[in-house]
Amino acid sequence: MNYNILVTGGAGYIGSILVPELLRLGNKVTVLDNFMFEPNSLLDCCHCDTFEVIRGDARDKGLVEKLIGDKDIVIPLAALVGAPLCNRDKIGAETTNREAIRTLAEVLSKEQRIIIPITNSGYGIGQKGVYCTEKTPLNPISFYGKTKVDAEKIVLDRGNSISLRLATVFGMSPRMRLDLLVNDFTYRAVKDRFIIIFEGHFKRNYIHIRDVASAFIHTIEKFDSMKDEAYNVGLSDANLSKLELCAEIKEQVPDFVYLEASIGEDPDKRDYIVSNEKIEKTGFAPKYSLARGIRELIKGYTIISDSKYGNV
């Protein structure tokens, strides 16, 4: 690999895993980030001559136009991620998650490529026992999901682009997030030893953060045969309910106690199972199981113990 790549939001949870991998593979990488969470996640990249970092806003059209001139690929990771954060700042979510993508689609040449991550939460509430495929109609139920689905349409309509519909991501990152479901539940198991579950039958799919980085790299390598399509990216053996996830964690934290509340509800109503067959048929295969990720998180939580590792 030898591409010139712009990664917006590259200091975030996914970017701080993906950017070092892109550099290791011989690419030149420019990161544009506003460092809203004040991370130091990319300090280990600063020794690399093929790494450039710009402190700025992905919504700044003039700045973006200056940065894209020699870029082969743009990976727009800059986003307000998750329903709670987007509900708290709807204007920020609209302008970052959707309108910044619209700007990119307008200013990039047709030869320049976009690989965008969205969320498979765009499937909303699925049919019981029926797998969501890329042909399943999108029906996002959160404002966050709606902005990301809109962004996907913008880039796919523009062409020379690929969308990766990510399952719920888990795993340790230099810019850690504790508010993601596996990360959150494992943290509670390690630190509190108990959790109360609301609507424990709700299912969703999961994927390790390093497999997400691998999916981007796989997509770059096979861009010509994969372009202008959307792909689900998740673990095919990890379409689990919240109660099933807790059981997986208890395998490694035996004194973890979880109970399902008989009253109350989860504000996140997502409930679906997902097929990842389409991207698997292109040769992509995740390497990190859910159990392996939980082991990793347990070690990580021996090191960190701070609520600052979240988005809200």
Protein backbone atom coordinates (compact mmCIF):
# COMPACT_ATOMS: atom_id res chain seq x y z
CA MET A 1 0.00 0.00 0.00
CA ASN A 2 1.27 3.43 -0.87
CA TYR A 3 -1.57 5.94 -0.78
CA ASN A 4 -1.93 9.51 0.38
CA ILE A 5 -4.84 9.39 2.83
CA LEU A 6 -6.78 12.05 4.74
CA VAL A 7 -8.47 10.81 7.93
CA THR A 8 -10.82 13.28 9.57
CA GLY A 9 -11.41 12.59 13.25
CA GLY A 10 -8.30 10.43 13.18
CA ALA A 11 -7.47 10.91 16.86
CA GLY A 12 -10.68 9.23 17.99
CA TYR A 13 -11.58 5.73 19.14
CA ILE A 14 -11.24 4.07 15.72
CA GLY A 15 -8.73 6.47 14.20
CA SER A 16 -6.13 5.94 16.90
CA ILE A 17 -6.05 2.26 15.95
CA LEU A 18 -6.44 2.71 12.18
CA VAL A 19 -3.94 5.54 11.59
CA PRO A 20 -0.87 3.69 13.00
CA GLU A 21 -1.79 0.66 10.86
CA LEU A 22 -2.06 2.77 7.71
CA LEU A 23 1.34 4.29 8.45
CA ARG A 24 2.89 0.88 9.17
CA LEU A 25 1.74 -0.31 5.75
CA GLY A 26 3.61 2.52 4.02
CA ASN A 27 0.87 5.09 3.45
CA LYS A 28 1.16 8.82 3.93
CA VAL A 29 -1.53 9.89 6.40
CA THR A 30 -2.86 13.34 7.26
CA VAL A 31 -5.15 13.57 10.28
CA LEU A 32 -7.59 16.45 10.68
CA ASP A 33 -9.04 16.56 14.19
CA ASN A 34 -10.34 19.21 16.58
CA PHE A 35 -9.17 17.16 19.60
CA MET A 36 -12.45 17.79 21.39
CA PHE A 37 -11.68 15.06 23.91
CA GLU A 38 -8.10 16.27 24.40
CA PRO A 39 -6.58 12.90 23.56
CA ASN A 40 -2.90 12.04 23.27
CA SER A 41 -3.78 9.01 21.20
CA LEU A 42 -1.55 9.75 18.18
CA LEU A 43 1.65 10.79 19.96
CA ASP A 44 3.33 7.54 18.94
CA CYS A 45 2.80 8.50 15.28
CA CYS A 46 4.66 11.79 15.48
CA HIS A 47 8.07 10.22 14.80
CA CYS A 48 6.85 9.05 11.40
CA ASP A 49 7.83 11.29 8.46
CA THR A 50 4.72 10.19 6.53
CA PHE A 51 2.39 11.42 9.28
CA GLU A 52 0.90 14.92 9.28
CA VAL A 53 -1.56 16.28 11.82
CA ILE A 54 -3.76 19.35 11.53
CA ARG A 55 -5.77 20.79 14.42
CA GLY A 56 -9.00 21.96 12.85
CA ASP A 57 -12.64 21.25 12.13
CA ALA A 58 -13.86 18.82 9.46
CA ARG A 59 -16.75 21.24 8.83
CA ASP A 60 -14.36 24.00 7.72
CA LYS A 61 -14.79 23.86 3.93
CA GLY A 62 -11.83 26.11 3.20
CA LEU A 63 -9.50 24.03 5.34
CA VAL A 64 -10.76 20.77 3.86
CA GLU A 65 -10.23 22.10 0.33
CA LYS A 66 -6.61 22.93 1.20
CA LEU A 67 -5.98 19.42 2.53
CA ILE A 68 -7.55 17.28 -0.19
CA GLY A 69 -5.54 18.39 -3.22
CA ASP A 70 -3.07 15.48 -3.32
CA LYS A 71 -5.11 12.87 -1.45
CA ASP A 72 -6.02 9.55 -3.03
CA ILE A 73 -8.46 8.47 -0.31
CA VAL A 74 -10.50 10.24 2.36
CA ILE A 75 -11.73 8.33 5.42
CA PRO A 76 -14.20 10.61 7.26
CA LEU A 77 -14.20 9.37 10.85
CA ALA A 78 -15.06 12.80 12.29
CA ALA A 79 -18.52 12.45 13.80
CA LEU A 80 -20.60 12.89 16.89
CA VAL A 81 -21.09 9.23 17.72
CA GLY A 82 -23.92 7.64 19.65
CA ALA A 83 -27.52 8.54 20.33
CA PRO A 84 -26.96 10.35 23.68
CA LEU A 85 -24.29 12.70 22.35
CA CYS A 86 -26.25 13.47 19.17
CA ASN A 87 -29.44 14.16 21.12
CA ARG A 88 -27.52 16.57 23.31
CA ASP A 89 -26.06 18.48 20.34
CA LYS A 90 -28.33 18.03 17.33
CA ILE A 91 -26.83 20.94 15.41
CA GLY A 92 -23.35 19.55 15.92
CA ALA A 93 -24.53 16.11 14.82
CA GLU A 94 -26.16 17.46 11.67
CA THR A 95 -23.22 19.60 10.64
CA THR A 96 -20.54 17.01 11.42
CA ASN A 97 -22.20 13.69 10.60
CA ARG A 98 -24.03 14.77 7.46
CA GLU A 99 -23.14 18.24 6.17
CA ALA A 100 -19.36 17.79 6.45
CA ILE A 101 -19.79 14.64 4.34
CA ARG A 102 -21.84 16.59 1.81
CA THR A 103 -19.00 19.12 1.62
CA LEU A 104 -16.47 16.35 0.98
CA ALA A 105 -18.62 14.88 -1.77
CA GLU A 106 -18.80 18.30 -3.42
CA VAL A 107 -15.12 19.29 -3.24
CA LEU A 108 -13.41 15.97 -3.99
CA SER A 109 -12.68 15.08 -7.60
CA LYS A 110 -14.39 12.03 -9.07
CA GLU A 111 -11.05 10.18 -9.02
CA GLN A 112 -10.61 10.61 -5.28
CA ARG A 113 -12.06 7.83 -3.13
CA ILE A 114 -14.19 7.95 0.01
CA ILE A 115 -14.50 5.10 2.50
CA ILE A 116 -17.04 6.06 5.14
CA PRO A 117 -18.06 4.24 8.31
CA ILE A 118 -21.68 4.40 9.31
CA THR A 119 -23.57 2.32 11.86
CA ASN A 120 -25.65 -0.78 11.37
CA SER A 121 -28.03 0.79 13.89
CA GLY A 122 -29.59 2.17 10.71
CA TYR A 123 -31.55 -1.10 10.61
CA GLY A 124 -33.46 0.05 13.68
CA ILE A 125 -35.80 -2.73 14.79
CA GLY A 126 -35.50 -5.88 12.72
CA GLN A 127 -37.86 -8.80 12.20
CA LYS A 128 -37.45 -11.54 14.77
CA GLY A 129 -35.17 -14.27 13.41
CA VAL A 130 -34.55 -12.47 10.11
CA TYR A 131 -31.03 -11.31 9.33
CA CYS A 132 -30.53 -7.76 8.12
CA THR A 133 -28.57 -7.68 4.87
CA GLU A 134 -27.41 -4.74 2.82
CA LYS A 135 -30.69 -5.04 0.90
CA THR A 136 -32.78 -4.62 4.07
CA PRO A 137 -34.47 -1.19 4.09
CA LEU A 138 -32.79 1.23 6.46
CA ASN A 139 -35.05 2.49 9.23
CA PRO A 140 -32.95 4.35 11.82
CA ILE A 141 -34.75 5.13 15.06
CA SER A 142 -32.19 7.50 16.58
CA PHE A 143 -31.15 10.94 15.39
CA TYR A 144 -27.57 9.63 15.29
CA GLY A 145 -28.60 6.76 13.03
CA LYS A 146 -30.50 9.09 10.72
CA THR A 147 -27.53 11.42 10.21
CA LYS A 148 -25.24 8.50 9.39
CA VAL A 149 -27.73 6.92 6.97
CA ASP A 150 -28.03 10.29 5.23
CA ALA A 151 -24.23 10.48 4.99
CA GLU A 152 -24.08 7.03 3.41
CA LYS A 153 -26.57 8.04 0.73
CA ILE A 154 -24.54 11.16 -0.05
CA VAL A 155 -21.30 9.27 -0.68
CA LEU A 156 -22.84 6.34 -2.55
CA ASP A 157 -24.82 8.71 -4.80
CA ARG A 158 -21.59 10.59 -5.45
CA GLY A 159 -19.84 7.41 -6.59
CA ASN A 160 -16.29 6.06 -6.23
CA SER A 161 -17.10 5.42 -2.59
CA ILE A 162 -17.68 2.57 -0.12
CA SER A 163 -19.75 2.50 3.07
CA LEU A 164 -18.92 0.21 5.97
CA ARG A 165 -21.95 -0.39 8.21
CA LEU A 166 -20.20 -1.12 11.48
CA ALA A 167 -21.60 -3.33 14.19
CA THR A 168 -21.23 -2.15 17.80
CA VAL A 169 -17.47 -1.82 18.24
CA PHE A 170 -15.56 -3.12 21.27
CA GLY A 171 -11.95 -3.34 22.43
CA MET A 172 -9.19 -1.18 23.89
CA SER A 173 -8.01 1.95 22.11
CA PRO A 174 -5.60 4.78 22.99
CA ARG A 175 -8.68 7.05 22.81
CA MET A 176 -10.85 4.74 24.87
CA ARG A 177 -14.64 4.79 25.02
CA LEU A 178 -16.47 3.21 27.93
CA ASP A 179 -19.93 4.03 26.63
CA LEU A 180 -20.02 1.25 24.00
CA LEU A 181 -22.03 -1.78 25.07
CA VAL A 182 -19.38 -4.51 25.41
CA ASN A 183 -16.87 -2.03 26.82
CA ASP A 184 -19.47 -0.70 29.26
CA PHE A 185 -20.77 -4.07 30.48
CA THR A 186 -17.25 -5.46 30.93
CA TYR A 187 -16.22 -2.35 32.85
CA ARG A 188 -19.19 -2.78 35.18
CA ALA A 189 -18.37 -6.46 35.63
CA VAL A 190 -14.77 -5.69 36.55
CA LYS A 191 -15.36 -2.60 38.69
CA ASP A 192 -18.85 -3.08 40.20
CA ARG A 193 -19.40 -6.83 39.83
CA PHE A 194 -23.09 -6.30 39.01
CA ILE A 195 -25.42 -4.70 36.49
CA ILE A 196 -29.17 -4.24 36.07
CA ILE A 197 -30.34 -4.93 32.50
CA PHE A 198 -33.34 -3.31 30.84
CA GLU A 199 -35.01 -5.17 27.97
CA GLY A 200 -32.33 -7.84 27.97
CA HIS A 201 -33.73 -9.63 24.92
CA PHE A 202 -32.74 -6.79 22.55
CA LYS A 203 -30.11 -8.08 20.14
CA ARG A 204 -27.35 -6.48 18.13
CA ASN A 205 -24.11 -7.41 16.38
CA TYR A 206 -20.53 -6.71 17.54
CA ILE A 207 -17.06 -6.22 16.03
CA HIS A 208 -13.58 -5.69 17.52
CA ILE A 209 -11.94 -2.34 16.86
CA ARG A 210 -8.86 -3.94 15.30
CA ASP A 211 -11.08 -5.85 12.91
CA VAL A 212 -12.69 -2.51 12.01
CA ALA A 213 -9.23 -1.19 11.12
CA SER A 214 -8.60 -4.36 9.10
CA ALA A 215 -11.90 -3.84 7.27
CA PHE A 216 -10.79 -0.38 6.16
CA ILE A 217 -7.45 -1.76 4.96
CA HIS A 218 -9.18 -4.66 3.18
CA THR A 219 -11.50 -2.17 1.48
CA ILE A 220 -8.59 0.00 0.34
CA GLU A 221 -6.85 -3.04 -1.15
CA LYS A 222 -9.97 -4.27 -2.96
CA PHE A 223 -11.53 -0.91 -3.70
CA ASP A 224 -12.10 -1.38 -7.42
CA SER A 225 -14.06 -4.61 -6.97
CA MET A 226 -16.00 -3.36 -3.92
CA LYS A 227 -16.74 0.28 -4.79
CA ASP A 228 -20.16 1.94 -4.82
CA GLU A 229 -21.59 -0.56 -2.33
CA ALA A 230 -22.39 -0.80 1.37
CA TYR A 231 -21.07 -3.64 3.53
CA ASN A 232 -22.05 -4.84 6.99
CA VAL A 233 -18.98 -5.33 9.18
CA GLY A 234 -19.49 -7.52 12.23
CA LEU A 235 -18.85 -10.90 13.84
CA SER A 236 -21.21 -13.42 12.32
CA ASP A 237 -21.15 -15.50 15.53
CA ALA A 238 -21.92 -12.49 17.73
CA ASN A 239 -25.55 -11.57 17.13
CA LEU A 240 -26.28 -11.52 20.84
CA SER A 241 -28.89 -10.20 23.24
CA LYS A 242 -27.77 -8.14 26.20
CA LEU A 243 -28.38 -11.09 28.50
CA GLU A 244 -26.32 -13.36 26.25
CA LEU A 245 -23.53 -10.79 26.27
CA CYS A 246 -23.58 -10.73 30.07
CA ALA A 247 -23.30 -14.53 30.11
CA GLU A 248 -20.21 -14.26 27.87
CA ILE A 249 -18.63 -11.77 30.27
CA LYS A 250 -19.48 -13.93 33.30
CA GLU A 251 -17.43 -16.74 31.74
CA GLN A 252 -14.37 -14.60 32.44
CA VAL A 253 -15.59 -12.67 35.51
CA PRO A 254 -17.25 -15.48 37.50
CA ASP A 255 -18.50 -13.28 40.36
CA PHE A 256 -20.28 -10.93 37.95
CA VAL A 257 -24.00 -10.72 38.80
CA TYR A 258 -26.54 -9.48 36.25
CA LEU A 259 -30.27 -9.11 36.72
CA GLU A 260 -33.00 -8.08 34.34
CA ALA A 261 -35.37 -5.41 35.64
CA SER A 262 -39.05 -6.30 35.41
CA ILE A 263 -39.97 -2.66 34.87
CA GLY A 264 -38.23 0.18 33.06
CA GLU A 265 -36.95 0.45 29.54
CA ASP A 266 -33.78 1.07 27.58
CA PRO A 267 -33.84 4.38 25.66
CA ASP A 268 -31.85 2.62 22.90
CA LYS A 269 -34.51 0.53 21.14
CA ARG A 270 -32.24 -1.11 18.56
CA ASP A 271 -33.04 -4.79 18.16
CA TYR A 272 -31.82 -6.74 15.13
CA ILE A 273 -29.51 -9.47 13.88
CA VAL A 274 -27.14 -8.88 10.99
CA SER A 275 -25.62 -10.88 8.16
CA ASN A 276 -21.99 -10.06 7.31
CA GLU A 277 -21.85 -12.52 4.43
CA LYS A 278 -21.38 -9.87 1.73
CA ILE A 279 -18.02 -8.58 2.97
CA GLU A 280 -16.93 -12.09 3.98
CA LYS A 281 -17.38 -13.16 0.35
CA THR A 282 -14.80 -10.52 -0.65
CA GLY A 283 -12.23 -12.30 1.53
CA PHE A 284 -12.57 -10.35 4.76
CA ALA A 285 -12.45 -12.42 7.95
CA PRO A 286 -12.42 -10.95 11.48
CA LYS A 287 -9.63 -12.23 13.73
CA TYR A 288 -10.84 -11.09 17.15
CA SER A 289 -13.60 -13.06 18.86
CA LEU A 290 -15.88 -11.56 21.47
CA ALA A 291 -14.20 -13.68 24.17
CA ARG A 292 -10.77 -12.43 23.13
CA GLY A 293 -12.01 -8.86 23.25
CA ILE A 294 -13.44 -9.34 26.74
CA ARG A 295 -10.08 -10.71 27.95
CA GLU A 296 -8.40 -7.63 26.48
CA LEU A 297 -10.86 -5.28 28.17
CA ILE A 298 -10.38 -6.95 31.56
CA LYS A 299 -6.64 -6.28 31.29
CA GLY A 300 -7.28 -2.73 30.14
CA TYR A 301 -9.56 -1.99 33.07
CA THR A 302 -6.79 -3.05 35.42
CA ILE A 303 -5.00 0.04 34.08
CA ILE A 304 -7.77 2.62 33.65
CA SER A 305 -10.51 3.64 36.02
CA ASP A 306 -11.98 6.91 34.89
CA SER A 307 -15.34 8.04 33.52
CA LYS A 308 -13.60 10.50 31.16
CA TYR A 309 -13.32 7.65 28.66
CA GLY A 310 -16.72 8.23 27.15
CA ASN A 311 -18.54 10.49 24.72
CA VAL A 312 -21.07 11.85 27.23
